[in-house]
């Protein structure tokens, strides 16, 4: 075992200068784009949905429409400034259309009905297309997709999901609604942070 090489990284500069192994902890950066790009992506708000949820109102889609000069993998070059965006959301043959979508925004939220879907263990494909209109050129269409999980109700136990808008962990016991939880692990209780005062959890909850 190489004691100078842990977790894919050399911890001292003199250990990796001239070494045969390349430090794998260093990220490779793509070349910056020549002009602005539109970072367009869409994701289901919740990491998963359950059959017991209200199929008409519990689901939604988060959409990003911001311009950037960073080389993001989901960004597309813009040849002219965008004046308006029309968003189409498709899942299993059902389309919803949203006009005049806000430009240069993140976490825009749009409702999504799951009532026409039959719950299953395989993910559905959520497809979003953005029709870009500009004053000086014909409209352009960008398309992106993401998996959507709509699962059968479990027979017993509980289910945990991630709220992608807030980053919160949400758990649901059988026949109940999702509630946020505060995970407790090694780093949470590091140094006895909670051992002498569990009311800290109530304070954190009150802060959202």
N, C-alpha and C. Protein backbone atom coordinates (compact mmCIF):
# COMPACT_ATOMS: atom_id res chain seq x y z
N UNK A 1 0.84 -1.20 0.00
CA UNK A 1 0.00 0.00 0.00
C UNK A 1 0.87 1.25 0.00
N UNK A 2 0.56 2.19 -0.88
CA UNK A 2 1.30 3.43 -0.96
C UNK A 2 0.79 4.39 0.10
N UNK A 3 1.58 4.63 1.16
CA UNK A 3 1.13 5.45 2.26
C UNK A 3 1.13 6.93 1.92
N UNK A 4 1.74 7.28 0.78
CA UNK A 4 1.77 8.69 0.37
C UNK A 4 0.60 9.02 -0.55
N UNK A 5 -0.18 8.01 -0.91
CA UNK A 5 -1.21 8.17 -1.92
C UNK A 5 -2.51 7.60 -1.36
N UNK A 6 -3.42 8.47 -0.92
CA UNK A 6 -4.66 8.03 -0.30
C UNK A 6 -5.86 8.70 -0.96
N UNK A 7 -6.95 7.94 -1.09
CA UNK A 7 -8.20 8.48 -1.63
C UNK A 7 -7.99 9.11 -3.00
N UNK A 8 -7.05 8.55 -3.77
CA UNK A 8 -6.82 9.06 -5.12
C UNK A 8 -6.02 10.34 -5.18
N UNK A 9 -5.40 10.77 -4.07
CA UNK A 9 -4.70 12.06 -4.06
C UNK A 9 -3.37 11.94 -3.32
N UNK A 10 -2.40 12.73 -3.75
CA UNK A 10 -1.18 12.91 -2.99
C UNK A 10 -1.39 14.10 -2.06
N UNK A 11 -0.97 13.96 -0.81
CA UNK A 11 -1.27 15.00 0.16
C UNK A 11 -0.16 16.03 0.31
N UNK A 12 1.00 15.77 -0.26
CA UNK A 12 2.08 16.75 -0.24
C UNK A 12 2.61 16.90 -1.66
N UNK A 13 2.89 18.14 -2.02
CA UNK A 13 3.29 18.42 -3.39
C UNK A 13 4.56 17.67 -3.78
N UNK A 14 5.51 17.51 -2.84
CA UNK A 14 6.76 16.83 -3.18
C UNK A 14 6.55 15.35 -3.46
N UNK A 15 5.41 14.81 -3.06
CA UNK A 15 5.17 13.39 -3.27
C UNK A 15 4.72 13.07 -4.70
N UNK A 16 4.12 14.05 -5.38
CA UNK A 16 3.61 13.74 -6.71
C UNK A 16 4.37 14.42 -7.84
N UNK A 17 5.29 15.31 -7.54
CA UNK A 17 6.09 15.91 -8.61
C UNK A 17 6.98 14.83 -9.23
N UNK A 18 6.79 14.59 -10.50
CA UNK A 18 7.59 13.60 -11.21
C UNK A 18 7.12 12.18 -11.01
N UNK A 19 6.03 12.00 -10.31
CA UNK A 19 5.53 10.64 -10.07
C UNK A 19 4.90 10.07 -11.34
N UNK A 20 4.91 8.75 -11.44
CA UNK A 20 4.31 8.09 -12.60
C UNK A 20 2.79 8.24 -12.55
N UNK A 21 2.22 8.11 -11.36
CA UNK A 21 0.78 8.20 -11.22
C UNK A 21 0.34 9.66 -11.22
N UNK A 22 -0.68 9.97 -12.03
CA UNK A 22 -1.21 11.32 -12.10
C UNK A 22 -2.23 11.51 -10.98
N UNK A 23 -2.16 12.60 -10.24
CA UNK A 23 -3.15 12.83 -9.18
C UNK A 23 -4.56 12.87 -9.77
N UNK A 24 -5.42 11.95 -9.34
CA UNK A 24 -6.75 11.88 -9.93
C UNK A 24 -7.73 12.82 -9.24
N UNK A 25 -7.27 13.53 -8.22
CA UNK A 25 -8.15 14.48 -7.56
C UNK A 25 -8.21 15.82 -8.26
N UNK A 26 -7.47 15.98 -9.37
CA UNK A 26 -7.46 17.25 -10.08
C UNK A 26 -8.47 17.18 -11.22
N UNK A 27 -9.38 18.16 -11.28
CA UNK A 27 -10.41 18.17 -12.30
C UNK A 27 -9.87 18.72 -13.61
N UNK A 28 -10.34 18.13 -14.70
CA UNK A 28 -10.01 18.63 -16.02
C UNK A 28 -11.09 19.62 -16.45
N UNK A 29 -10.72 20.83 -16.80
CA UNK A 29 -11.68 21.86 -17.17
C UNK A 29 -11.80 21.94 -18.69
N UNK A 30 -13.03 22.00 -19.18
CA UNK A 30 -13.26 22.21 -20.60
C UNK A 30 -12.92 23.64 -20.97
N UNK A 31 -12.71 23.85 -22.26
CA UNK A 31 -12.43 25.21 -22.73
C UNK A 31 -13.68 26.07 -22.58
N UNK A 32 -13.46 27.32 -22.19
CA UNK A 32 -14.57 28.25 -22.02
C UNK A 32 -15.21 28.54 -23.38
N UNK A 33 -16.54 28.67 -23.46
CA UNK A 33 -17.19 28.98 -24.73
C UNK A 33 -16.80 30.38 -25.22
N UNK A 34 -16.93 30.59 -26.52
CA UNK A 34 -16.57 31.87 -27.12
C UNK A 34 -17.58 32.96 -26.80
N UNK A 35 -18.80 32.55 -26.46
CA UNK A 35 -19.85 33.52 -26.15
C UNK A 35 -20.81 32.93 -25.12
N UNK A 36 -21.88 33.65 -24.84
CA UNK A 36 -22.83 33.15 -23.84
C UNK A 36 -23.55 31.89 -24.30
N UNK A 37 -23.89 31.04 -23.34
CA UNK A 37 -24.64 29.82 -23.59
C UNK A 37 -25.88 29.82 -22.70
N UNK A 38 -26.89 29.07 -23.13
CA UNK A 38 -28.09 28.92 -22.31
C UNK A 38 -28.04 27.58 -21.61
N UNK A 39 -28.00 27.62 -20.28
CA UNK A 39 -28.00 26.40 -19.48
C UNK A 39 -29.45 26.01 -19.24
N UNK A 40 -29.91 25.06 -20.03
CA UNK A 40 -31.31 24.63 -19.96
C UNK A 40 -31.38 23.18 -19.49
N UNK A 41 -32.06 22.95 -18.39
CA UNK A 41 -32.27 21.60 -17.91
C UNK A 41 -33.56 21.54 -17.11
N UNK A 42 -34.12 20.34 -17.00
CA UNK A 42 -35.32 20.16 -16.19
C UNK A 42 -35.21 18.85 -15.43
N UNK A 43 -35.74 18.84 -14.22
CA UNK A 43 -35.71 17.67 -13.35
C UNK A 43 -37.01 17.62 -12.55
N UNK A 44 -37.50 16.42 -12.22
CA UNK A 44 -38.60 16.34 -11.26
C UNK A 44 -38.16 16.94 -9.93
N UNK A 45 -39.06 17.66 -9.28
CA UNK A 45 -38.67 18.29 -8.01
C UNK A 45 -38.26 17.24 -6.99
N UNK A 46 -39.05 16.17 -6.87
CA UNK A 46 -38.74 15.12 -5.93
C UNK A 46 -37.97 14.00 -6.62
N UNK A 47 -37.04 13.42 -5.90
CA UNK A 47 -36.26 12.32 -6.46
C UNK A 47 -37.16 11.15 -6.84
N UNK A 48 -38.25 10.96 -6.10
CA UNK A 48 -39.23 9.93 -6.44
C UNK A 48 -40.61 10.35 -5.95
N UNK A 49 -41.62 9.80 -6.63
CA UNK A 49 -43.02 10.00 -6.23
C UNK A 49 -43.63 8.63 -5.98
N UNK A 50 -44.66 8.60 -5.12
CA UNK A 50 -45.30 7.35 -4.75
C UNK A 50 -46.76 7.35 -5.18
N UNK A 51 -47.27 6.15 -5.38
CA UNK A 51 -48.65 5.97 -5.80
C UNK A 51 -49.63 6.64 -4.82
N UNK A 52 -49.30 6.67 -3.56
CA UNK A 52 -50.20 7.26 -2.57
C UNK A 52 -50.23 8.77 -2.58
N UNK A 53 -49.32 9.42 -3.32
CA UNK A 53 -49.31 10.87 -3.40
C UNK A 53 -50.51 11.35 -4.23
N UNK A 54 -50.88 12.62 -4.06
CA UNK A 54 -51.93 13.20 -4.89
C UNK A 54 -51.38 13.37 -6.30
N UNK A 55 -51.86 12.55 -7.24
CA UNK A 55 -51.26 12.54 -8.58
C UNK A 55 -51.47 13.84 -9.32
N UNK A 56 -52.48 14.63 -8.93
CA UNK A 56 -52.78 15.86 -9.66
C UNK A 56 -52.01 17.07 -9.16
N UNK A 57 -51.55 17.05 -7.91
CA UNK A 57 -50.96 18.27 -7.36
C UNK A 57 -49.62 18.09 -6.66
N UNK A 58 -49.19 16.85 -6.42
CA UNK A 58 -47.97 16.66 -5.63
C UNK A 58 -46.70 16.79 -6.45
N UNK A 59 -46.78 16.56 -7.78
CA UNK A 59 -45.58 16.53 -8.61
C UNK A 59 -45.35 17.87 -9.30
N UNK A 60 -44.09 18.17 -9.55
CA UNK A 60 -43.73 19.38 -10.29
C UNK A 60 -42.36 19.20 -10.92
N UNK A 61 -42.03 20.12 -11.83
CA UNK A 61 -40.78 20.07 -12.57
C UNK A 61 -39.99 21.34 -12.29
N UNK A 62 -38.69 21.19 -12.03
CA UNK A 62 -37.79 22.33 -11.85
C UNK A 62 -37.03 22.58 -13.15
N UNK A 63 -36.99 23.84 -13.57
CA UNK A 63 -36.38 24.19 -14.86
C UNK A 63 -35.37 25.32 -14.66
N UNK A 64 -34.21 25.18 -15.31
CA UNK A 64 -33.19 26.23 -15.35
C UNK A 64 -33.15 26.84 -16.74
N UNK A 65 -33.06 28.18 -16.80
CA UNK A 65 -32.97 28.87 -18.10
C UNK A 65 -31.95 30.01 -18.03
N UNK A 66 -30.81 29.77 -17.38
CA UNK A 66 -29.89 30.89 -17.19
C UNK A 66 -28.78 30.90 -18.24
N UNK A 67 -28.30 32.08 -18.54
CA UNK A 67 -27.18 32.25 -19.47
C UNK A 67 -25.87 32.22 -18.69
N UNK A 68 -24.83 31.68 -19.32
CA UNK A 68 -23.56 31.50 -18.62
C UNK A 68 -22.41 31.56 -19.61
N UNK A 69 -21.23 31.88 -19.08
CA UNK A 69 -19.99 31.81 -19.84
C UNK A 69 -19.14 30.62 -19.41
N UNK A 70 -19.67 29.81 -18.51
CA UNK A 70 -18.96 28.63 -18.04
C UNK A 70 -19.25 27.45 -18.96
N UNK A 71 -18.30 26.52 -19.11
CA UNK A 71 -18.49 25.36 -19.99
C UNK A 71 -19.31 24.26 -19.33
N UNK A 72 -20.59 24.50 -19.11
CA UNK A 72 -21.47 23.50 -18.50
C UNK A 72 -21.89 22.48 -19.54
N UNK A 73 -21.98 21.21 -19.13
CA UNK A 73 -22.28 20.14 -20.07
C UNK A 73 -23.68 20.26 -20.66
N UNK A 74 -24.61 20.90 -19.96
CA UNK A 74 -25.98 21.00 -20.46
C UNK A 74 -26.28 22.39 -21.04
N UNK A 75 -25.24 23.17 -21.32
CA UNK A 75 -25.42 24.51 -21.89
C UNK A 75 -25.23 24.48 -23.40
N UNK A 76 -26.03 25.27 -24.11
CA UNK A 76 -25.96 25.34 -25.57
C UNK A 76 -25.63 26.78 -25.99
N UNK A 77 -24.73 26.95 -26.98
CA UNK A 77 -24.35 28.30 -27.40
C UNK A 77 -25.54 29.11 -27.90
N UNK A 78 -25.52 30.40 -27.61
CA UNK A 78 -26.55 31.31 -28.10
C UNK A 78 -25.96 32.18 -29.19
N UNK A 79 -26.61 32.20 -30.33
CA UNK A 79 -26.11 33.03 -31.44
C UNK A 79 -26.65 34.45 -31.35
N UNK A 80 -27.86 34.60 -30.79
CA UNK A 80 -28.46 35.92 -30.60
C UNK A 80 -29.16 35.94 -29.24
N UNK A 81 -29.37 37.13 -28.67
CA UNK A 81 -30.07 37.20 -27.39
C UNK A 81 -31.50 36.65 -27.50
N UNK A 82 -31.93 35.95 -26.46
CA UNK A 82 -33.26 35.35 -26.45
C UNK A 82 -34.26 36.36 -25.90
N UNK A 83 -35.40 36.50 -26.61
CA UNK A 83 -36.44 37.43 -26.15
C UNK A 83 -37.52 36.72 -25.36
N UNK A 84 -37.95 35.54 -25.81
CA UNK A 84 -38.98 34.77 -25.08
C UNK A 84 -38.67 33.29 -25.17
N UNK A 85 -39.19 32.53 -24.20
CA UNK A 85 -39.05 31.07 -24.19
C UNK A 85 -40.43 30.44 -23.99
N UNK A 86 -40.75 29.48 -24.84
CA UNK A 86 -41.93 28.65 -24.65
C UNK A 86 -41.47 27.26 -24.22
N UNK A 87 -41.98 26.79 -23.10
CA UNK A 87 -41.55 25.52 -22.54
C UNK A 87 -42.61 24.45 -22.77
N UNK A 88 -42.18 23.30 -23.30
CA UNK A 88 -43.05 22.14 -23.47
C UNK A 88 -42.55 21.03 -22.54
N UNK A 89 -43.45 20.46 -21.75
CA UNK A 89 -43.11 19.36 -20.85
C UNK A 89 -43.91 18.13 -21.28
N UNK A 90 -43.20 17.04 -21.61
CA UNK A 90 -43.85 15.83 -22.11
C UNK A 90 -43.51 14.63 -21.24
N UNK A 91 -44.52 13.82 -20.95
CA UNK A 91 -44.30 12.55 -20.28
C UNK A 91 -45.40 11.58 -20.69
N UNK A 92 -44.99 10.47 -21.30
CA UNK A 92 -45.90 9.42 -21.72
C UNK A 92 -47.07 9.95 -22.56
N UNK A 93 -46.74 10.80 -23.53
CA UNK A 93 -47.75 11.28 -24.47
C UNK A 93 -48.57 12.46 -24.00
N UNK A 94 -48.40 12.92 -22.77
CA UNK A 94 -49.14 14.08 -22.27
C UNK A 94 -48.22 15.29 -22.25
N UNK A 95 -48.66 16.38 -22.89
CA UNK A 95 -47.84 17.59 -22.99
C UNK A 95 -48.51 18.75 -22.29
N UNK A 96 -47.71 19.52 -21.58
CA UNK A 96 -48.15 20.81 -21.03
C UNK A 96 -47.27 21.90 -21.61
N UNK A 97 -47.88 23.03 -21.95
CA UNK A 97 -47.17 24.13 -22.61
C UNK A 97 -47.21 25.36 -21.71
N UNK A 98 -46.06 26.01 -21.57
CA UNK A 98 -45.95 27.21 -20.72
C UNK A 98 -45.26 28.29 -21.54
N UNK A 99 -45.96 29.37 -21.81
CA UNK A 99 -45.43 30.47 -22.63
C UNK A 99 -44.81 31.55 -21.76
N UNK A 100 -43.95 32.34 -22.39
CA UNK A 100 -43.28 33.47 -21.73
C UNK A 100 -42.59 33.06 -20.43
N UNK A 101 -41.82 31.96 -20.53
CA UNK A 101 -41.06 31.49 -19.38
C UNK A 101 -39.93 32.47 -19.06
N UNK A 102 -39.71 32.70 -17.80
CA UNK A 102 -38.70 33.66 -17.37
C UNK A 102 -37.31 33.23 -17.80
N UNK A 103 -36.54 34.19 -18.31
CA UNK A 103 -35.18 33.93 -18.78
C UNK A 103 -34.20 34.26 -17.66
N UNK A 104 -33.07 33.55 -17.68
CA UNK A 104 -31.99 33.78 -16.71
C UNK A 104 -32.44 33.46 -15.29
N UNK A 105 -33.05 32.31 -15.13
CA UNK A 105 -33.56 31.91 -13.82
C UNK A 105 -33.20 30.46 -13.54
N UNK A 106 -33.25 30.11 -12.26
CA UNK A 106 -33.03 28.72 -11.84
C UNK A 106 -34.18 28.29 -10.95
N UNK A 107 -34.43 26.99 -10.95
CA UNK A 107 -35.46 26.40 -10.10
C UNK A 107 -36.85 26.97 -10.35
N UNK A 108 -37.13 27.31 -11.61
CA UNK A 108 -38.51 27.65 -11.95
C UNK A 108 -39.36 26.39 -11.80
N UNK A 109 -40.53 26.52 -11.20
CA UNK A 109 -41.32 25.34 -10.89
C UNK A 109 -42.62 25.33 -11.68
N UNK A 110 -42.91 24.18 -12.30
CA UNK A 110 -44.12 24.01 -13.10
C UNK A 110 -44.84 22.74 -12.65
N UNK A 111 -46.18 22.78 -12.58
CA UNK A 111 -46.93 21.61 -12.13
C UNK A 111 -46.85 20.47 -13.14
N UNK A 112 -46.98 19.25 -12.64
CA UNK A 112 -46.93 18.06 -13.49
C UNK A 112 -47.93 17.05 -12.97
N UNK A 113 -48.86 16.62 -13.82
CA UNK A 113 -49.84 15.61 -13.42
C UNK A 113 -49.30 14.21 -13.69
N UNK A 114 -49.47 13.33 -12.72
CA UNK A 114 -49.06 11.94 -12.87
C UNK A 114 -50.26 11.00 -12.97
N UNK A 115 -51.47 11.58 -13.08
CA UNK A 115 -52.68 10.77 -12.99
C UNK A 115 -52.84 9.79 -14.14
N UNK A 116 -52.20 10.04 -15.28
CA UNK A 116 -52.33 9.13 -16.42
C UNK A 116 -51.27 8.03 -16.40
N UNK A 117 -50.42 8.03 -15.39
CA UNK A 117 -49.34 7.04 -15.31
C UNK A 117 -49.72 5.90 -14.37
N UNK A 118 -49.27 4.72 -14.69
CA UNK A 118 -49.40 3.57 -13.80
C UNK A 118 -48.07 3.39 -13.06
N UNK A 119 -48.10 3.40 -11.74
CA UNK A 119 -46.84 3.28 -10.99
C UNK A 119 -46.08 2.01 -11.39
N UNK A 120 -44.76 2.14 -11.44
CA UNK A 120 -43.91 1.00 -11.80
C UNK A 120 -42.52 1.23 -11.24
N UNK A 121 -41.69 0.19 -11.25
CA UNK A 121 -40.34 0.31 -10.70
C UNK A 121 -39.35 0.87 -11.72
N UNK A 122 -39.68 0.83 -13.01
CA UNK A 122 -38.81 1.40 -14.03
C UNK A 122 -39.11 2.90 -14.18
N UNK A 123 -38.10 3.72 -14.38
CA UNK A 123 -38.34 5.16 -14.49
C UNK A 123 -39.05 5.54 -15.79
N UNK A 124 -39.87 6.57 -15.72
CA UNK A 124 -40.44 7.19 -16.91
C UNK A 124 -39.45 8.24 -17.43
N UNK A 125 -39.62 8.64 -18.68
CA UNK A 125 -38.76 9.67 -19.26
C UNK A 125 -39.51 11.00 -19.31
N UNK A 126 -38.99 11.98 -18.62
CA UNK A 126 -39.52 13.34 -18.64
C UNK A 126 -38.74 14.13 -19.68
N UNK A 127 -39.42 14.68 -20.67
CA UNK A 127 -38.76 15.43 -21.75
C UNK A 127 -39.23 16.88 -21.73
N UNK A 128 -38.28 17.79 -21.76
CA UNK A 128 -38.58 19.23 -21.80
C UNK A 128 -37.94 19.83 -23.05
N UNK A 129 -38.69 20.67 -23.74
CA UNK A 129 -38.15 21.38 -24.89
C UNK A 129 -38.41 22.87 -24.72
N UNK A 130 -37.41 23.66 -25.06
CA UNK A 130 -37.50 25.12 -24.95
C UNK A 130 -37.45 25.72 -26.35
N UNK A 131 -38.51 26.42 -26.74
CA UNK A 131 -38.54 27.12 -28.02
C UNK A 131 -38.04 28.55 -27.77
N UNK A 132 -36.88 28.85 -28.32
CA UNK A 132 -36.25 30.14 -28.09
C UNK A 132 -36.61 31.10 -29.22
N UNK A 133 -37.14 32.24 -28.85
CA UNK A 133 -37.47 33.27 -29.83
C UNK A 133 -36.53 34.46 -29.65
N UNK A 134 -36.08 34.99 -30.76
CA UNK A 134 -35.24 36.20 -30.71
C UNK A 134 -35.76 37.18 -31.75
N UNK A 135 -35.31 38.43 -31.65
CA UNK A 135 -35.80 39.47 -32.55
C UNK A 135 -35.16 39.40 -33.93
N UNK A 136 -34.01 38.73 -34.05
CA UNK A 136 -33.25 38.82 -35.29
C UNK A 136 -33.05 37.50 -36.01
N UNK A 137 -33.55 36.37 -35.47
CA UNK A 137 -33.33 35.09 -36.14
C UNK A 137 -34.51 34.16 -35.87
N UNK A 138 -34.66 33.12 -36.72
CA UNK A 138 -35.74 32.15 -36.51
C UNK A 138 -35.59 31.45 -35.15
N UNK A 139 -36.72 30.89 -34.68
CA UNK A 139 -36.69 30.28 -33.35
C UNK A 139 -35.86 29.00 -33.37
N UNK A 140 -35.27 28.70 -32.21
CA UNK A 140 -34.44 27.53 -32.02
C UNK A 140 -35.05 26.68 -30.92
N UNK A 141 -34.86 25.37 -31.01
CA UNK A 141 -35.45 24.47 -30.02
C UNK A 141 -34.34 23.68 -29.32
N UNK A 142 -34.33 23.72 -27.99
CA UNK A 142 -33.42 22.92 -27.18
C UNK A 142 -34.23 21.84 -26.47
N UNK A 143 -33.67 20.64 -26.39
CA UNK A 143 -34.38 19.51 -25.79
C UNK A 143 -33.50 18.87 -24.73
N UNK A 144 -34.10 18.54 -23.60
CA UNK A 144 -33.40 17.82 -22.55
C UNK A 144 -34.36 16.83 -21.91
N UNK A 145 -33.83 15.83 -21.24
CA UNK A 145 -34.69 14.82 -20.62
C UNK A 145 -34.10 14.37 -19.29
N UNK A 146 -34.95 13.76 -18.47
CA UNK A 146 -34.53 13.27 -17.16
C UNK A 146 -35.44 12.12 -16.76
N UNK A 147 -34.94 11.17 -15.95
CA UNK A 147 -35.80 10.09 -15.47
C UNK A 147 -36.74 10.59 -14.38
N UNK A 148 -37.93 10.02 -14.35
CA UNK A 148 -38.90 10.33 -13.31
C UNK A 148 -39.39 9.02 -12.70
N UNK A 149 -39.27 8.91 -11.38
CA UNK A 149 -39.68 7.70 -10.67
C UNK A 149 -41.07 7.91 -10.06
N UNK A 150 -42.01 7.04 -10.45
CA UNK A 150 -43.35 7.01 -9.87
C UNK A 150 -43.60 5.58 -9.46
N UNK A 151 -43.40 5.31 -8.17
CA UNK A 151 -43.30 3.94 -7.67
C UNK A 151 -44.60 3.47 -7.02
N UNK A 152 -44.84 2.16 -7.03
CA UNK A 152 -45.98 1.61 -6.29
C UNK A 152 -45.82 1.85 -4.79
N UNK A 153 -46.93 1.94 -4.10
CA UNK A 153 -46.89 2.12 -2.65
C UNK A 153 -46.26 0.91 -1.99
N UNK A 154 -45.26 1.10 -1.13
CA UNK A 154 -44.64 -0.06 -0.47
C UNK A 154 -45.61 -0.72 0.50
N UNK A 155 -45.45 -2.01 0.69
CA UNK A 155 -46.34 -2.76 1.58
C UNK A 155 -46.12 -2.36 3.03
N UNK A 156 -44.88 -2.12 3.39
CA UNK A 156 -44.57 -1.75 4.77
C UNK A 156 -43.33 -0.86 4.79
N UNK A 157 -43.01 -0.35 5.95
CA UNK A 157 -41.80 0.46 6.09
C UNK A 157 -42.03 1.90 5.67
N UNK A 158 -40.95 2.61 5.46
CA UNK A 158 -41.00 4.02 5.08
C UNK A 158 -40.17 4.26 3.83
N UNK A 159 -40.35 5.43 3.24
CA UNK A 159 -39.65 5.81 2.00
C UNK A 159 -39.00 7.17 2.22
N UNK A 160 -37.78 7.33 1.75
CA UNK A 160 -37.08 8.61 1.84
C UNK A 160 -36.79 9.12 0.44
N UNK A 161 -37.04 10.41 0.24
CA UNK A 161 -36.79 11.04 -1.05
C UNK A 161 -36.03 12.34 -0.81
N UNK A 162 -35.55 12.94 -1.89
CA UNK A 162 -34.82 14.21 -1.82
C UNK A 162 -35.63 15.29 -2.52
N UNK A 163 -35.84 16.40 -1.84
CA UNK A 163 -36.46 17.57 -2.46
C UNK A 163 -35.36 18.35 -3.16
N UNK A 164 -35.35 18.30 -4.49
CA UNK A 164 -34.25 18.92 -5.23
C UNK A 164 -34.28 20.45 -5.19
N UNK A 165 -35.40 21.02 -4.80
CA UNK A 165 -35.47 22.49 -4.73
C UNK A 165 -34.82 23.01 -3.47
N UNK A 166 -34.99 22.30 -2.36
CA UNK A 166 -34.46 22.77 -1.08
C UNK A 166 -33.26 21.95 -0.61
N UNK A 167 -33.09 20.74 -1.19
CA UNK A 167 -32.04 19.84 -0.74
C UNK A 167 -32.41 19.04 0.49
N UNK A 168 -33.66 19.17 0.97
CA UNK A 168 -34.09 18.49 2.19
C UNK A 168 -34.34 17.01 1.93
N UNK A 169 -34.11 16.21 2.96
CA UNK A 169 -34.50 14.80 2.95
C UNK A 169 -35.94 14.71 3.45
N UNK A 170 -36.78 14.00 2.70
CA UNK A 170 -38.19 13.85 3.05
C UNK A 170 -38.50 12.37 3.24
N UNK A 171 -39.20 12.05 4.31
CA UNK A 171 -39.55 10.66 4.57
C UNK A 171 -41.06 10.52 4.72
N UNK A 172 -41.55 9.34 4.33
CA UNK A 172 -42.99 9.09 4.44
C UNK A 172 -43.23 7.67 4.91
N UNK A 173 -43.97 7.55 6.00
CA UNK A 173 -44.38 6.23 6.46
C UNK A 173 -45.62 5.81 5.67
N UNK A 174 -46.00 4.56 5.77
CA UNK A 174 -47.14 4.04 5.02
C UNK A 174 -48.39 4.86 5.30
N UNK A 175 -49.09 5.25 4.22
CA UNK A 175 -50.36 5.99 4.29
C UNK A 175 -50.22 7.35 4.98
N UNK A 176 -49.05 7.96 4.88
CA UNK A 176 -48.87 9.29 5.44
C UNK A 176 -48.22 10.20 4.41
N UNK A 177 -48.17 11.50 4.71
CA UNK A 177 -47.56 12.45 3.79
C UNK A 177 -46.06 12.56 4.07
N UNK A 178 -45.32 13.10 3.10
CA UNK A 178 -43.88 13.30 3.27
C UNK A 178 -43.62 14.39 4.30
N UNK A 179 -42.63 14.13 5.16
CA UNK A 179 -42.21 15.10 6.17
C UNK A 179 -40.69 15.22 6.13
N UNK A 180 -40.16 16.43 6.35
CA UNK A 180 -38.70 16.58 6.37
C UNK A 180 -38.07 15.93 7.57
N UNK A 181 -36.88 15.40 7.40
CA UNK A 181 -36.14 14.80 8.51
C UNK A 181 -34.75 15.40 8.57
N UNK A 182 -34.15 15.34 9.76
CA UNK A 182 -32.78 15.81 9.94
C UNK A 182 -31.89 14.60 10.17
N UNK A 183 -31.03 14.26 9.22
CA UNK A 183 -30.21 13.06 9.37
C UNK A 183 -29.16 13.23 10.45
N UNK A 184 -28.98 12.21 11.25
CA UNK A 184 -27.97 12.23 12.31
C UNK A 184 -26.94 11.15 12.02
N UNK A 185 -25.70 11.54 11.89
CA UNK A 185 -24.62 10.61 11.62
C UNK A 185 -23.35 11.05 12.31
N UNK A 186 -22.22 10.53 11.84
CA UNK A 186 -20.95 10.81 12.50
C UNK A 186 -20.64 12.30 12.51
N UNK A 187 -20.79 12.97 11.35
CA UNK A 187 -20.40 14.37 11.27
C UNK A 187 -21.40 15.27 11.99
N UNK A 188 -22.68 14.85 12.04
CA UNK A 188 -23.67 15.64 12.75
C UNK A 188 -23.34 15.71 14.23
N UNK A 189 -22.92 14.60 14.81
CA UNK A 189 -22.66 14.54 16.24
C UNK A 189 -21.17 14.62 16.56
N UNK A 190 -20.37 15.09 15.62
CA UNK A 190 -18.93 15.16 15.82
C UNK A 190 -18.61 16.07 17.01
N UNK A 191 -17.82 15.55 17.92
CA UNK A 191 -17.43 16.34 19.09
C UNK A 191 -18.54 16.50 20.11
N UNK A 192 -19.56 15.64 20.05
CA UNK A 192 -20.64 15.75 21.03
C UNK A 192 -21.55 16.93 20.80
N UNK A 193 -21.68 17.37 19.54
CA UNK A 193 -22.48 18.56 19.22
C UNK A 193 -23.91 18.45 19.72
N UNK A 194 -24.51 17.24 19.61
CA UNK A 194 -25.91 17.06 20.01
C UNK A 194 -26.07 16.33 21.33
N UNK A 195 -25.01 15.72 21.83
CA UNK A 195 -25.16 14.83 22.98
C UNK A 195 -25.66 15.54 24.23
N UNK A 196 -25.35 16.80 24.38
CA UNK A 196 -25.77 17.51 25.59
C UNK A 196 -26.96 18.41 25.41
N UNK A 197 -27.44 18.57 24.16
CA UNK A 197 -28.55 19.50 23.93
C UNK A 197 -29.31 19.11 22.67
N UNK A 198 -30.27 18.20 22.80
CA UNK A 198 -31.06 17.77 21.65
C UNK A 198 -32.03 18.84 21.18
N UNK A 199 -32.24 19.90 21.96
CA UNK A 199 -33.14 20.97 21.53
C UNK A 199 -32.59 21.71 20.32
N UNK A 200 -31.31 21.50 20.02
CA UNK A 200 -30.72 22.10 18.81
C UNK A 200 -31.50 21.67 17.58
N UNK A 201 -31.96 20.41 17.57
CA UNK A 201 -32.73 19.92 16.43
C UNK A 201 -34.02 20.70 16.24
N UNK A 202 -34.69 21.04 17.33
CA UNK A 202 -35.92 21.82 17.24
C UNK A 202 -35.62 23.24 16.74
N UNK A 203 -34.49 23.77 17.15
CA UNK A 203 -34.10 25.10 16.68
C UNK A 203 -33.82 25.08 15.18
N UNK A 204 -33.12 24.05 14.72
CA UNK A 204 -32.84 23.93 13.28
C UNK A 204 -34.14 23.78 12.51
N UNK A 205 -35.08 22.98 13.03
CA UNK A 205 -36.37 22.78 12.35
C UNK A 205 -37.14 24.08 12.25
N UNK A 206 -37.13 24.90 13.30
CA UNK A 206 -37.85 26.18 13.28
C UNK A 206 -37.26 27.15 12.28
N UNK A 207 -35.98 26.95 11.94
CA UNK A 207 -35.32 27.80 10.96
C UNK A 207 -35.55 27.35 9.53
N UNK A 208 -36.27 26.23 9.38
CA UNK A 208 -36.59 25.74 8.05
C UNK A 208 -35.54 24.81 7.50
